[in-house]
PDB file of N, CA and C in Angstrom:
ATOM      1  N   MET A   1     -95.131  70.912  41.122  1.00  0.00           N
ATOM      2  CA  MET A   1     -94.316  70.880  42.293  1.00  0.00           C
ATOM      3  C   MET A   1     -92.891  70.253  41.715  1.00  0.00           C
ATOM      4  N   SER A   2     -91.725  70.617  42.328  1.00  0.00           N
ATOM      5  CA  SER A   2     -90.623  69.963  41.768  1.00  0.00           C
ATOM      6  C   SER A   2     -89.814  69.516  43.059  1.00  0.00           C
ATOM      7  N   ILE A   3     -89.187  68.285  42.918  1.00  0.00           N
ATOM      8  CA  ILE A   3     -88.169  67.767  44.018  1.00  0.00           C
ATOM      9  C   ILE A   3     -86.924  68.371  44.011  1.00  0.00           C
ATOM     10  N   HIS A   4     -86.374  68.729  45.135  1.00  0.00           N
ATOM     11  CA  HIS A   4     -85.214  69.129  45.635  1.00  0.00           C
ATOM     12  C   HIS A   4     -84.229  68.279  44.821  1.00  0.00           C
ATOM     13  N   PRO A   5     -83.080  68.976  44.257  1.00  0.00           N
ATOM     14  CA  PRO A   5     -81.979  68.355  43.443  1.00  0.00           C
ATOM     15  C   PRO A   5     -81.232  66.941  43.974  1.00  0.00           C
ATOM     16  N   ARG A   6     -81.382  67.095  45.479  1.00  0.00           N
ATOM     17  CA  ARG A   6     -80.787  66.080  46.402  1.00  0.00           C
ATOM     18  C   ARG A   6     -81.828  65.043  46.277  1.00  0.00           C
ATOM     19  N   GLY A   7     -82.897  64.803  45.931  1.00  0.00           N
ATOM     20  CA  GLY A   7     -83.936  63.781  46.125  1.00  0.00           C
ATOM     21  C   GLY A   7     -84.453  64.100  47.399  1.00  0.00           C
ATOM     22  N   LEU A   8     -84.669  62.912  48.222  1.00  0.00           N
ATOM     23  CA  LEU A   8     -84.860  62.888  49.526  1.00  0.00           C
ATOM     24  C   LEU A   8     -84.011  62.814  50.529  1.00  0.00           C
ATOM     25  N   ASP A   9     -82.694  63.267  50.246  1.00  0.00           N
ATOM     26  CA  ASP A   9     -81.569  63.251  51.178  1.00  0.00           C
ATOM     27  C   ASP A   9     -82.016  64.249  52.538  1.00  0.00           C
ATOM     28  N   PHE A  10     -82.820  65.332  52.169  1.00  0.00           N
ATOM     29  CA  PHE A  10     -83.134  66.168  53.542  1.00  0.00           C
ATOM     30  C   PHE A  10     -83.869  65.365  54.474  1.00  0.00           C
ATOM     31  N   LEU A  11     -84.568  64.156  54.224  1.00  0.00           N
ATOM     32  CA  LEU A  11     -85.269  63.374  55.331  1.00  0.00           C
ATOM     33  C   LEU A  11     -84.304  62.399  56.016  1.00  0.00           C
ATOM     34  N   ARG A  12     -83.181  62.414  55.724  1.00  0.00           N
ATOM     35  CA  ARG A  12     -81.971  61.409  56.264  1.00  0.00           C
ATOM     36  C   ARG A  12     -82.029  61.732  58.076  1.00  0.00           C
ATOM     37  N   ASP A  13     -82.193  62.958  58.430  1.00  0.00           N
ATOM     38  CA  ASP A  13     -82.336  63.370  59.683  1.00  0.00           C
ATOM     39  C   ASP A  13     -83.306  63.248  60.608  1.00  0.00           C
ATOM     40  N   VAL A  14     -84.460  62.674  59.876  1.00  0.00           N
ATOM     41  CA  VAL A  14     -85.804  62.764  60.619  1.00  0.00           C
ATOM     42  C   VAL A  14     -85.755  61.646  61.546  1.00  0.00           C
ATOM     43  N   ASP A  15     -85.964  61.923  62.938  1.00  0.00           N
ATOM     44  CA  ASP A  15     -86.042  60.920  63.932  1.00  0.00           C
ATOM     45  C   ASP A  15     -87.045  60.013  63.703  1.00  0.00           C
ATOM     46  N   MET A  16     -86.995  58.523  63.786  1.00  0.00           N
ATOM     47  CA  MET A  16     -87.988  57.657  63.648  1.00  0.00           C
ATOM     48  C   MET A  16     -87.777  56.649  65.046  1.00  0.00           C
ATOM     49  N   ARG A  17     -88.898  56.038  65.371  1.00  0.00           N
ATOM     50  CA  ARG A  17     -88.772  55.040  66.435  1.00  0.00           C
ATOM     51  C   ARG A  17     -88.570  53.544  65.748  1.00  0.00           C
ATOM     52  N   LEU A  18     -87.457  52.825  66.213  1.00  0.00           N
ATOM     53  CA  LEU A  18     -87.227  51.665  65.857  1.00  0.00           C
ATOM     54  C   LEU A  18     -87.531  50.815  67.036  1.00  0.00           C
ATOM     55  N   THR A  19     -88.213  49.610  66.562  1.00  0.00           N
ATOM     56  CA  THR A  19     -88.679  48.886  67.897  1.00  0.00           C
ATOM     57  C   THR A  19     -88.194  47.040  67.241  1.00  0.00           C
ATOM     58  N   VAL A  20     -87.966  46.332  68.453  1.00  0.00           N
ATOM     59  CA  VAL A  20     -87.673  45.176  67.862  1.00  0.00           C
ATOM     60  C   VAL A  20     -88.577  44.284  68.792  1.00  0.00           C
ATOM     61  N   GLU A  21     -89.513  43.384  68.107  1.00  0.00           N
ATOM     62  CA  GLU A  21     -90.445  42.686  68.863  1.00  0.00           C
ATOM     63  C   GLU A  21     -90.081  41.429  69.341  1.00  0.00           C
ATOM     64  N   LEU A  22     -89.982  40.908  70.609  1.00  0.00           N
ATOM     65  CA  LEU A  22     -89.503  39.874  70.895  1.00  0.00           C
ATOM     66  C   LEU A  22     -90.760  38.820  71.091  1.00  0.00           C
ATOM     67  N   GLY A  23     -91.741  39.158  70.995  1.00  0.00           N
ATOM     68  CA  GLY A  23     -93.070  38.414  70.862  1.00  0.00           C
ATOM     69  C   GLY A  23     -94.125  38.938  71.571  1.00  0.00           C
ATOM     70  N   ARG A  24     -95.327  38.140  71.574  1.00  0.00           N
ATOM     71  CA  ARG A  24     -96.463  38.635  72.091  1.00  0.00           C
ATOM     72  C   ARG A  24     -97.318  37.595  72.916  1.00  0.00           C
ATOM     73  N   THR A  25     -98.428  38.074  73.512  1.00  0.00           N
ATOM     74  CA  THR A  25     -99.163  37.124  74.209  1.00  0.00           C
ATOM     75  C   THR A  25    -100.245  37.983  74.578  1.00  0.00           C
ATOM     76  N   GLN A  26    -101.650  37.232  74.965  1.00  0.00           N
ATOM     77  CA  GLN A  26    -102.708  37.986  75.226  1.00  0.00           C
ATOM     78  C   GLN A  26    -103.183  37.541  76.674  1.00  0.00           C
ATOM     79  N   MET A  27    -103.214  38.187  77.673  1.00  0.00           N
ATOM     80  CA  MET A  27    -103.491  37.812  79.111  1.00  0.00           C
ATOM     81  C   MET A  27    -104.811  38.267  79.615  1.00  0.00           C
ATOM     82  N   LYS A  28    -105.421  37.911  80.715  1.00  0.00           N
ATOM     83  CA  LYS A  28    -106.765  38.522  81.367  1.00  0.00           C
ATOM     84  C   LYS A  28    -105.993  39.611  82.082  1.00  0.00           C
ATOM     85  N   LEU A  29    -106.620  40.526  82.552  1.00  0.00           N
ATOM     86  CA  LEU A  29    -106.233  41.430  83.416  1.00  0.00           C
ATOM     87  C   LEU A  29    -105.895  41.000  84.713  1.00  0.00           C
ATOM     88  N   LYS A  30    -106.576  40.057  85.378  1.00  0.00           N
ATOM     89  CA  LYS A  30    -106.403  39.672  86.635  1.00  0.00           C
ATOM     90  C   LYS A  30    -104.853  38.881  86.787  1.00  0.00           C
ATOM     91  N   ASP A  31    -104.565  38.279  85.348  1.00  0.00           N
ATOM     92  CA  ASP A  31    -103.233  37.863  85.281  1.00  0.00           C
ATOM     93  C   ASP A  31    -101.983  38.751  85.222  1.00  0.00           C
ATOM     94  N   VAL A  32    -102.352  39.674  84.646  1.00  0.00           N
ATOM     95  CA  VAL A  32    -101.429  40.884  84.434  1.00  0.00           C
ATOM     96  C   VAL A  32    -101.074  41.612  85.904  1.00  0.00           C
ATOM     97  N   LEU A  33    -102.229  41.642  86.698  1.00  0.00           N
ATOM     98  CA  LEU A  33    -102.061  42.146  87.986  1.00  0.00           C
ATOM     99  C   LEU A  33    -101.613  41.530  89.011  1.00  0.00           C
ATOM    100  N   SER A  34    -101.341  40.143  88.650  1.00  0.00           N
ATOM    101  CA  SER A  34    -100.815  39.217  89.520  1.00  0.00           C
ATOM    102  C   SER A  34     -99.325  38.926  89.252  1.00  0.00           C
ATOM    103  N   LEU A  35     -98.700  39.785  88.175  1.00  0.00           N
ATOM    104  CA  LEU A  35     -97.349  39.550  87.924  1.00  0.00           C
ATOM    105  C   LEU A  35     -96.313  40.164  88.988  1.00  0.00           C
ATOM    106  N   GLY A  36     -95.389  39.708  89.312  1.00  0.00           N
ATOM    107  CA  GLY A  36     -94.263  40.098  90.131  1.00  0.00           C
ATOM    108  C   GLY A  36     -93.143  39.772  89.888  1.00  0.00           C
ATOM    109  N   PRO A  37     -92.035  39.842  90.793  1.00  0.00           N
ATOM    110  CA  PRO A  37     -90.763  39.373  90.452  1.00  0.00           C
ATOM    111  C   PRO A  37     -90.706  37.889  90.409  1.00  0.00           C
ATOM    112  N   GLU A  38     -89.805  37.628  89.499  1.00  0.00           N
ATOM    113  CA  GLU A  38     -89.836  35.883  89.204  1.00  0.00           C
ATOM    114  C   GLU A  38     -90.921  35.561  88.544  1.00  0.00           C
ATOM    115  N   SER A  39     -92.007  36.066  87.997  1.00  0.00           N
ATOM    116  CA  SER A  39     -93.121  35.743  87.226  1.00  0.00           C
ATOM    117  C   SER A  39     -92.601  35.369  85.746  1.00  0.00           C
ATOM    118  N   LEU A  40     -93.308  34.328  85.453  1.00  0.00           N
ATOM    119  CA  LEU A  40     -92.947  34.126  83.878  1.00  0.00           C
ATOM    120  C   LEU A  40     -93.959  34.468  82.919  1.00  0.00           C
ATOM    121  N   VAL A  41     -93.779  35.079  81.748  1.00  0.00           N
ATOM    122  CA  VAL A  41     -94.860  35.200  80.696  1.00  0.00           C
ATOM    123  C   VAL A  41     -94.404  34.448  79.470  1.00  0.00           C
ATOM    124  N   VAL A  42     -95.000  33.463  78.991  1.00  0.00           N
ATOM    125  CA  VAL A  42     -94.306  33.012  77.725  1.00  0.00           C
ATOM    126  C   VAL A  42     -95.235  33.569  76.514  1.00  0.00           C
ATOM    127  N   LEU A  43     -94.175  33.924  75.679  1.00  0.00           N
ATOM    128  CA  LEU A  43     -94.766  34.430  74.392  1.00  0.00           C
ATOM    129  C   LEU A  43     -94.858  33.786  73.266  1.00  0.00           C
ATOM    130  N   ASP A  44     -95.480  33.988  72.182  1.00  0.00           N
ATOM    131  CA  ASP A  44     -95.956  33.349  71.085  1.00  0.00           C
ATOM    132  C   ASP A  44     -94.857  32.971  70.137  1.00  0.00           C
ATOM    133  N   ARG A  45     -93.681  33.253  70.407  1.00  0.00           N
ATOM    134  CA  ARG A  45     -92.446  32.947  69.496  1.00  0.00           C
ATOM    135  C   ARG A  45     -91.385  31.902  70.119  1.00  0.00           C
ATOM    136  N   LEU A  46     -91.018  31.065  69.254  1.00  0.00           N
ATOM    137  CA  LEU A  46     -89.887  30.089  69.636  1.00  0.00           C
ATOM    138  C   LEU A  46     -88.430  30.794  69.704  1.00  0.00           C
ATOM    139  N   THR A  47     -87.694  30.300  70.491  1.00  0.00           N
ATOM    140  CA  THR A  47     -86.338  30.939  70.574  1.00  0.00           C
ATOM    141  C   THR A  47     -85.504  30.955  69.318  1.00  0.00           C
ATOM    142  N   ASP A  48     -85.846  30.149  68.573  1.00  0.00           N
ATOM    143  CA  ASP A  48     -84.846  30.217  67.351  1.00  0.00           C
ATOM    144  C   ASP A  48     -85.499  30.848  66.103  1.00  0.00           C
ATOM    145  N   GLU A  49     -86.693  31.808  66.506  1.00  0.00           N
ATOM    146  CA  GLU A  49     -87.301  32.310  65.338  1.00  0.00           C
ATOM    147  C   GLU A  49     -86.674  33.811  65.487  1.00  0.00           C
ATOM    148  N   LEU A  50     -86.611  34.403  63.945  1.00  0.00           N
ATOM    149  CA  LEU A  50     -86.241  35.698  63.828  1.00  0.00           C
ATOM    150  C   LEU A  50     -87.422  36.744  64.496  1.00  0.00           C
ATOM    151  N   LEU A  51     -86.873  37.873  65.090  1.00  0.00           N
ATOM    152  CA  LEU A  51     -87.580  38.976  65.827  1.00  0.00           C
ATOM    153  C   LEU A  51     -88.132  39.890  64.837  1.00  0.00           C
ATOM    154  N   ASP A  52     -89.209  40.478  64.787  1.00  0.00           N
ATOM    155  CA  ASP A  52     -89.672  41.644  63.890  1.00  0.00           C
ATOM    156  C   ASP A  52     -89.120  42.873  64.395  1.00  0.00           C
ATOM    157  N   VAL A  53     -88.746  43.515  63.202  1.00  0.00           N
ATOM    158  CA  VAL A  53     -88.100  45.046  63.112  1.00  0.00           C
ATOM    159  C   VAL A  53     -89.228  45.917  62.929  1.00  0.00           C
ATOM    160  N   LEU A  54     -89.734  46.835  63.673  1.00  0.00           N
ATOM    161  CA  LEU A  54     -90.737  48.080  63.240  1.00  0.00           C
ATOM    162  C   LEU A  54     -90.127  49.200  63.157  1.00  0.00           C
ATOM    163  N   VAL A  55     -90.733  50.128  62.403  1.00  0.00           N
ATOM    164  CA  VAL A  55     -90.310  51.615  62.458  1.00  0.00           C
ATOM    165  C   VAL A  55     -91.584  52.387  62.529  1.00  0.00           C
ATOM    166  N   ASN A  56     -91.797  52.987  63.456  1.00  0.00           N
ATOM    167  CA  ASN A  56     -93.059  53.508  63.892  1.00  0.00           C
ATOM    168  C   ASN A  56     -94.102  52.744  63.673  1.00  0.00           C
ATOM    169  N   GLY A  57     -94.201  51.515  64.224  1.00  0.00           N
ATOM    170  CA  GLY A  57     -95.178  50.520  63.994  1.00  0.00           C
ATOM    171  C   GLY A  57     -95.381  49.661  62.776  1.00  0.00           C
ATOM    172  N   LYS A  58     -94.558  50.091  61.796  1.00  0.00           N
ATOM    173  CA  LYS A  58     -94.622  49.375  60.483  1.00  0.00           C
ATOM    174  C   LYS A  58     -93.458  48.285  60.464  1.00  0.00           C
ATOM    175  N   PRO A  59     -93.640  47.196  60.014  1.00  0.00           N
ATOM    176  CA  PRO A  59     -92.532  46.126  59.936  1.00  0.00           C
ATOM    177  C   PRO A  59     -91.755  46.519  58.746  1.00  0.00           C
ATOM    178  N   ILE A  60     -90.541  46.424  59.057  1.00  0.00           N
ATOM    179  CA  ILE A  60     -89.505  46.680  57.839  1.00  0.00           C
ATOM    180  C   ILE A  60     -88.397  45.463  57.636  1.00  0.00           C
ATOM    181  N   ALA A  61     -88.322  44.515  58.500  1.00  0.00           N
ATOM    182  CA  ALA A  61     -87.222  43.706  58.480  1.00  0.00           C
ATOM    183  C   ALA A  61     -87.488  42.795  59.737  1.00  0.00           C
ATOM    184  N   ARG A  62     -86.594  41.730  59.607  1.00  0.00           N
ATOM    185  CA  ARG A  62     -86.581  40.354  60.661  1.00  0.00           C
ATOM    186  C   ARG A  62     -85.130  40.121  61.108  1.00  0.00           C
ATOM    187  N   GLY A  63     -84.928  39.993  62.346  1.00  0.00           N
ATOM    188  CA  GLY A  63     -83.536  39.814  62.565  1.00  0.00           C
ATOM    189  C   GLY A  63     -83.176  38.691  63.675  1.00  0.00           C
ATOM    190  N   GLU A  64     -81.944  38.862  64.187  1.00  0.00           N
ATOM    191  CA  GLU A  64     -81.629  37.717  65.068  1.00  0.00           C
ATOM    192  C   GLU A  64     -80.823  38.485  66.242  1.00  0.00           C
ATOM    193  N   VAL A  65     -81.029  38.036  67.456  1.00  0.00           N
ATOM    194  CA  VAL A  65     -80.358  38.773  68.620  1.00  0.00           C
ATOM    195  C   VAL A  65     -78.651  38.216  68.609  1.00  0.00           C
ATOM    196  N   VAL A  66     -78.022  39.456  68.833  1.00  0.00           N
ATOM    197  CA  VAL A  66     -76.520  39.180  68.801  1.00  0.00           C
ATOM    198  C   VAL A  66     -75.952  39.944  70.060  1.00  0.00           C
ATOM    199  N   SER A  67     -74.923  39.631  70.672  1.00  0.00           N
ATOM    200  CA  SER A  67     -74.203  40.433  71.695  1.00  0.00           C
ATOM    201  C   SER A  67     -73.086  41.101  70.984  1.00  0.00           C
ATOM    202  N   HIS A  68     -73.084  42.455  71.497  1.00  0.00           N
ATOM    203  CA  HIS A  68     -72.049  43.329  70.939  1.00  0.00           C
ATOM    204  C   HIS A  68     -71.457  44.310  72.015  1.00  0.00           C
ATOM    205  N   ASN A  69     -70.162  43.993  72.324  1.00  0.00           N
ATOM    206  CA  ASN A  69     -69.560  44.945  73.703  1.00  0.00           C
ATOM    207  C   ASN A  69     -70.444  44.756  74.831  1.00  0.00           C
ATOM    208  N   GLY A  70     -70.738  43.630  75.144  1.00  0.00           N
ATOM    209  CA  GLY A  70     -71.620  43.263  76.282  1.00  0.00           C
ATOM    210  C   GLY A  70     -72.884  43.921  76.286  1.00  0.00           C
ATOM    211  N   ARG A  71     -73.583  44.497  75.065  1.00  0.00           N
ATOM    212  CA  ARG A  71     -74.946  44.846  75.140  1.00  0.00           C
ATOM    213  C   ARG A  71     -75.639  43.872  73.894  1.00  0.00           C
ATOM    214  N   PHE A  72     -76.876  44.037  74.061  1.00  0.00           N
ATOM    215  CA  PHE A  72     -77.729  43.410  72.893  1.00  0.00           C
ATOM    216  C   PHE A  72     -77.717  43.880  71.756  1.00  0.00           C
ATOM    217  N   GLY A  73     -77.876  43.389  70.601  1.00  0.00           N
ATOM    218  CA  GLY A  73     -77.805  43.864  69.308  1.00  0.00           C
ATOM    219  C   GLY A  73     -78.733  43.210  68.315  1.00  0.00           C
ATOM    220  N   LEU A  74     -79.048  43.738  67.179  1.00  0.00           N
ATOM    221  CA  LEU A  74     -79.727  42.790  66.238  1.00  0.00           C
ATOM    222  C   LEU A  74     -78.977  42.702  64.872  1.00  0.00           C
ATOM    223  N   ARG A  75     -79.075  41.560  64.371  1.00  0.00           N
ATOM    224  CA  ARG A  75     -78.461  41.279  63.211  1.00  0.00           C
ATOM    225  C   ARG A  75     -79.666  41.328  62.259  1.00  0.00           C
ATOM    226  N   ILE A  76     -79.622  42.142  61.212  1.00  0.00           N
ATOM    227  CA  ILE A  76     -80.796  41.967  60.215  1.00  0.00           C
ATOM    228  C   ILE A  76     -80.637  40.867  59.213  1.00  0.00           C
ATOM    229  N   VAL A  77     -81.543  40.060  59.016  1.00  0.00           N
ATOM    230  CA  VAL A  77     -81.574  38.794  58.120  1.00  0.00           C
ATOM    231  C   VAL A  77     -82.494  39.168  57.031  1.00  0.00           C
ATOM    232  N   GLU A  78     -83.573  39.584  57.227  1.00  0.00           N
ATOM    233  CA  GLU A  78     -84.568  39.756  56.089  1.00  0.00           C
ATOM    234  C   GLU A  78     -85.065  41.168  55.935  1.00  0.00           C
ATOM    235  N   ILE A  79     -85.358  41.670  54.752  1.00  0.00           N
ATOM    236  CA  ILE A  79     -85.812  43.065  54.654  1.00  0.00           C
ATOM    237  C   ILE A  79     -87.216  42.585  54.300  1.00  0.00           C
ATOM    238  N   VAL A  80     -88.514  43.367  54.695  1.00  0.00           N
ATOM    239  CA  VAL A  80     -89.606  43.225  54.463  1.00  0.00           C
ATOM    240  C   VAL A  80     -89.815  43.772  52.835  1.00  0.00           C
ATOM    241  N   GLY A  81     -90.729  42.969  52.225  1.00  0.00           N
ATOM    242  CA  GLY A  81     -91.021  43.177  51.012  1.00  0.00           C
ATOM    243  C   GLY A  81     -91.948  44.219  50.778  1.00  0.00           C
ATOM    244  N   HIS A  82     -92.671  44.450  49.896  1.00  0.00           N
ATOM    245  CA  HIS A  82     -93.498  45.651  49.611  1.00  0.00           C
ATOM    246  C   HIS A  82     -94.930  45.453  49.950  1.00  0.00           C
ATOM    247  N   GLU A  83     -95.421  44.194  50.260  1.00  0.00           N
ATOM    248  CA  GLU A  83     -96.576  44.081  50.768  1.00  0.00           C
ATOM    249  C   GLU A  83     -96.824  43.545  52.116  1.00  0.00           C
ATOM    250  N   GLY A  84     -95.749  44.167  52.960  1.00  0.00           N
ATOM    251  CA  GLY A  84     -95.749  43.839  54.393  1.00  0.00           C
ATOM    252  C   GLY A  84     -95.270  42.651  55.000  1.00  0.00           C
ATOM    253  N   GLU A  85     -94.631  41.854  53.888  1.00  0.00           N
ATOM    254  CA  GLU A  85     -94.122  40.443  54.117  1.00  0.00           C
ATOM    255  C   GLU A  85     -92.668  40.556  53.978  1.00  0.00           C
ATOM    256  N   ALA A  86     -91.974  39.609  54.624  1.00  0.00           N
ATOM    257  CA  ALA A  86     -90.600  39.153  54.538  1.00  0.00           C
ATOM    258  C   ALA A  86     -90.498  38.513  53.096  1.00  0.00           C
ATOM    259  N   GLU A  87     -89.350  38.642  52.879  1.00  0.00           N
ATOM    260  CA  GLU A  87     -88.940  38.139  51.084  1.00  0.00           C
ATOM    261  C   GLU A  87     -89.265  36.481  51.506  1.00  0.00           C
ATOM    262  N   ASP A  88     -89.012  35.892  52.453  1.00  0.00           N
ATOM    263  CA  ASP A  88     -89.278  34.250  52.335  1.00  0.00           C
ATOM    264  C   ASP A  88     -90.329  33.961  53.493  1.00  0.00           C
ATOM    265  N   GLY A  89     -91.149  34.756  53.854  1.00  0.00           N
ATOM    266  CA  GLY A  89     -92.233  34.298  54.783  1.00  0.00           C
ATOM    267  C   GLY A  89     -92.775  35.554  55.662  1.00  0.00           C
ATOM    268  N   ALA A  90     -94.107  35.432  56.127  1.00  0.00           N
ATOM    269  CA  ALA A  90     -94.744  36.733  56.578  1.00  0.00           C
ATOM    270  C   ALA A  90     -94.384  36.985  58.150  1.00  0.00           C
ATOM    271  N   LEU A  91     -94.445  38.165  58.614  1.00  0.00           N
ATOM    272  CA  LEU A  91     -94.180  38.539  60.048  1.00  0.00           C
ATOM    273  C   LEU A  91     -95.104  37.866  60.825  1.00  0.00           C
ATOM    274  N   ALA A  92     -94.967  37.852  61.991  1.00  0.00           N
ATOM    275  CA  ALA A  92     -95.820  37.226  63.011  1.00  0.00           C
ATOM    276  C   ALA A  92     -97.073  37.980  62.923  1.00  0.00           C
ATOM    277  N   PRO A  93     -98.481  37.296  62.908  1.00  0.00           N
ATOM    278  CA  PRO A  93     -99.594  38.169  62.779  1.00  0.00           C
ATOM    279  C   PRO A  93     -99.963  38.454  64.313  1.00  0.00           C
ATOM    280  N   PRO A  94    -100.674  39.614  64.317  1.00  0.00           N
ATOM    281  CA  PRO A  94    -101.231  39.922  65.770  1.00  0.00           C
ATOM    282  C   PRO A  94    -102.048  38.883  66.325  1.00  0.00           C
ATOM    283  N   LEU A  95    -102.296  38.813  67.644  1.00  0.00           N
ATOM    284  CA  LEU A  95    -103.174  37.815  68.288  1.00  0.00           C
ATOM    285  C   LEU A  95    -104.544  38.164  67.996  1.00  0.00           C
ATOM    286  N   THR A  96    -105.417  37.269  67.863  1.00  0.00           N
ATOM    287  CA  THR A  96    -106.700  37.237  67.634  1.00  0.00           C
ATOM    288  C   THR A  96    -107.319  37.358  69.076  1.00  0.00           C
ATOM    289  N   ASP A  97    -108.746  37.692  69.122  1.00  0.00           N
ATOM    290  CA  ASP A  97    -109.454  37.732  70.288  1.00  0.00           C
ATOM    291  C   ASP A  97    -109.538  36.177  70.914  1.00  0.00           C
ATOM    292  N   GLY A  98    -109.592  35.169  70.376  1.00  0.00           N
ATOM    293  CA  GLY A  98    -109.784  33.876  70.453  1.00  0.00           C
ATOM    294  C   GLY A  98    -108.611  33.164  70.892  1.00  0.00           C
ATOM    295  N   GLU A  99    -107.172  33.764  70.806  1.00  0.00           N
ATOM    296  CA  GLU A  99    -106.275  33.307  71.393  1.00  0.00           C
ATOM    297  C   GLU A  99    -106.183  33.444  72.882  1.00  0.00           C
ATOM    298  N   GLU A 100    -105.733  32.283  73.377  1.00  0.00           N
ATOM    299  CA  GLU A 100    -105.358  32.262  75.118  1.00  0.00           C
ATOM    300  C   GLU A 100    -104.244  32.845  75.323  1.00  0.00           C
ATOM    301  N   GLY A 101    -104.015  33.603  76.383  1.00  0.00           N
ATOM    302  CA  GLY A 101    -102.756  34.107  76.834  1.00  0.00           C
ATOM    303  C   GLY A 101    -102.049  33.129  77.617  1.00  0.00           C
ATOM    304  N   ARG A 102    -100.814  33.445  77.750  1.00  0.00           N
ATOM    305  CA  ARG A 102    -100.172  32.295  78.585  1.00  0.00           C
ATOM    306  C   ARG A 102     -99.283  33.191  79.604  1.00  0.00           C
ATOM    307  N   ALA A 103     -99.294  32.599  80.888  1.00  0.00           N
ATOM    308  CA  ALA A 103     -98.691  33.084  81.900  1.00  0.00           C
ATOM    309  C   ALA A 103     -97.996  32.186  82.697  1.00  0.00           C
TER     310      ALA A 103
END
């Protein structure tokens, strides 16, 4: 099997889902059902922490929120290393069953 002379350039037009994760929490169903306007859900991330950038659910980078022409944007600060960790720290771990949700 041979690779096309252009390498992997033919993949450049493949659509990918890019997600920026602001934070997580775990809640009981009764608390989710009681959410409404003016409800506050406290997430597991501090306001000065970098946000996780995921492509198709896989972490690729971390960044910070910026404003650009009246819209939210994201400035990439770190690129994830080969083993799923950022070059100077790990991405936020998923919540475990024992962690309390906050609302």
